[in-house]
Amino acid sequence: MSKQSNSWLWTFKMAWRDSRSNRSKLFLFMAAIIVGVAAQVAITSFRANLNESIESQAKELLGADLEVE
């Protein structure tokens, strides 16, 4: 294992050991991070879908006024 991998492993082990007394706060914090990231992904996805839908409907509406003689 590389020295950097050992450093990350050591850091994780120390953080886990230090969190023993406040494990419930740690899990609450992790849940808040997960919910925040999920909300950000959902909002971004919704925005992209909404923009795509508006653009396609605008193209249909603008094309509906054309008359070819």
C-alpha atoms as a PDB file:
ATOM      1  CA  MET A   1       0.000   0.000   0.000  1.00  0.00           C
ATOM      2  CA  SER A   2       1.295   3.451  -0.774  1.00  0.00           C
ATOM      3  CA  LYS A   3       2.138   6.005   1.850  1.00  0.00           C
ATOM      4  CA  GLN A   4      -0.760   8.250   0.803  1.00  0.00           C
ATOM      5  CA  SER A   5      -3.245   5.354   1.118  1.00  0.00           C
ATOM      6  CA  ASN A   6      -1.959   4.654   4.608  1.00  0.00           C
ATOM      7  CA  SER A   7      -2.402   8.312   5.459  1.00  0.00           C
ATOM      8  CA  TRP A   8      -6.058   8.296   4.354  1.00  0.00           C
ATOM      9  CA  LEU A   9      -6.698   5.028   6.193  1.00  0.00           C
ATOM     10  CA  TRP A  10      -5.086   6.393   9.348  1.00  0.00           C
ATOM     11  CA  THR A  11      -7.124   9.603   9.083  1.00  0.00           C
ATOM     12  CA  PHE A  12     -10.361   7.649   8.673  1.00  0.00           C
ATOM     13  CA  LYS A  13      -9.544   5.365  11.614  1.00  0.00           C
ATOM     14  CA  MET A  14      -8.750   8.325  13.859  1.00  0.00           C
ATOM     15  CA  ALA A  15     -11.922  10.162  12.849  1.00  0.00           C
ATOM     16  CA  TRP A  16     -14.005   7.033  13.506  1.00  0.00           C
ATOM     17  CA  ARG A  17     -12.351   6.528  16.903  1.00  0.00           C
ATOM     18  CA  ASP A  18     -12.875  10.161  17.880  1.00  0.00           C
ATOM     19  CA  SER A  19     -16.534   9.985  16.887  1.00  0.00           C
ATOM     20  CA  ARG A  20     -17.377   7.246  19.399  1.00  0.00           C
ATOM     21  CA  SER A  21     -18.841   9.619  21.945  1.00  0.00           C
ATOM     22  CA  ASN A  22     -20.942  11.504  19.378  1.00  0.00           C
ATOM     23  CA  ARG A  23     -21.779   8.823  16.851  1.00  0.00           C
ATOM     24  CA  SER A  24     -25.405   9.957  16.615  1.00  0.00           C
ATOM     25  CA  LYS A  25     -24.273  13.482  15.703  1.00  0.00           C
ATOM     26  CA  LEU A  26     -21.915  12.019  13.107  1.00  0.00           C
ATOM     27  CA  PHE A  27     -24.719  10.027  11.486  1.00  0.00           C
ATOM     28  CA  LEU A  28     -27.012  13.054  11.580  1.00  0.00           C
ATOM     29  CA  PHE A  29     -24.317  15.142   9.883  1.00  0.00           C
ATOM     30  CA  MET A  30     -23.742  12.441   7.245  1.00  0.00           C
ATOM     31  CA  ALA A  31     -27.495  12.187   6.622  1.00  0.00           C
ATOM     32  CA  ALA A  32     -27.710  15.961   6.194  1.00  0.00           C
ATOM     33  CA  ILE A  33     -24.875  15.874   3.643  1.00  0.00           C
ATOM     34  CA  ILE A  34     -26.544  13.012   1.741  1.00  0.00           C
ATOM     35  CA  VAL A  35     -29.936  14.751   1.698  1.00  0.00           C
ATOM     36  CA  GLY A  36     -28.322  17.994   0.559  1.00  0.00           C
ATOM     37  CA  VAL A  37     -26.479  16.332  -2.318  1.00  0.00           C
ATOM     38  CA  ALA A  38     -29.606  14.411  -3.340  1.00  0.00           C
ATOM     39  CA  ALA A  39     -31.652  17.626  -3.308  1.00  0.00           C
ATOM     40  CA  GLN A  40     -29.052  19.387  -5.441  1.00  0.00           C
ATOM     41  CA  VAL A  41     -29.068  16.552  -7.986  1.00  0.00           C
ATOM     42  CA  ALA A  42     -32.879  16.508  -8.067  1.00  0.00           C
ATOM     43  CA  ILE A  43     -33.123  20.273  -8.558  1.00  0.00           C
ATOM     44  CA  THR A  44     -30.511  20.249 -11.324  1.00  0.00           C
ATOM     45  CA  SER A  45     -32.257  17.376 -13.083  1.00  0.00           C
ATOM     46  CA  PHE A  46     -35.660  19.044 -12.762  1.00  0.00           C
ATOM     47  CA  ARG A  47     -34.272  22.304 -14.148  1.00  0.00           C
ATOM     48  CA  ALA A  48     -32.713  20.552 -17.151  1.00  0.00           C
ATOM     49  CA  ASN A  49     -35.940  18.671 -17.905  1.00  0.00           C
ATOM     50  CA  LEU A  50     -38.011  21.841 -17.529  1.00  0.00           C
ATOM     51  CA  ASN A  51     -35.750  23.790 -19.893  1.00  0.00           C
ATOM     52  CA  GLU A  52     -35.902  20.980 -22.453  1.00  0.00           C
ATOM     53  CA  SER A  53     -39.693  20.810 -22.211  1.00  0.00           C
ATOM     54  CA  ILE A  54     -40.116  24.573 -22.564  1.00  0.00           C
ATOM     55  CA  GLU A  55     -37.814  24.655 -25.594  1.00  0.00           C
ATOM     56  CA  SER A  56     -39.670  21.834 -27.349  1.00  0.00           C
ATOM     57  CA  GLN A  57     -43.077  23.401 -26.643  1.00  0.00           C
ATOM     58  CA  ALA A  58     -41.844  26.794 -27.832  1.00  0.00           C
ATOM     59  CA  LYS A  59     -40.698  25.244 -31.110  1.00  0.00           C
ATOM     60  CA  GLU A  60     -44.114  23.629 -31.583  1.00  0.00           C
ATOM     61  CA  LEU A  61     -45.979  26.866 -30.812  1.00  0.00           C
ATOM     62  CA  LEU A  62     -43.815  28.965 -33.098  1.00  0.00           C
ATOM     63  CA  GLY A  63     -44.194  26.429 -35.904  1.00  0.00           C
ATOM     64  CA  ALA A  64     -47.982  26.345 -35.530  1.00  0.00           C
ATOM     65  CA  ASP A  65     -48.343  29.894 -36.857  1.00  0.00           C
ATOM     66  CA  LEU A  66     -46.666  29.191 -40.199  1.00  0.00           C
ATOM     67  CA  GLU A  67     -48.771  28.970 -43.336  1.00  0.00           C
ATOM     68  CA  VAL A  68     -47.418  27.532 -46.533  1.00  0.00           C
ATOM     69  CA  GLU A  69     -49.289  28.542 -49.693  1.00  0.00           C
END
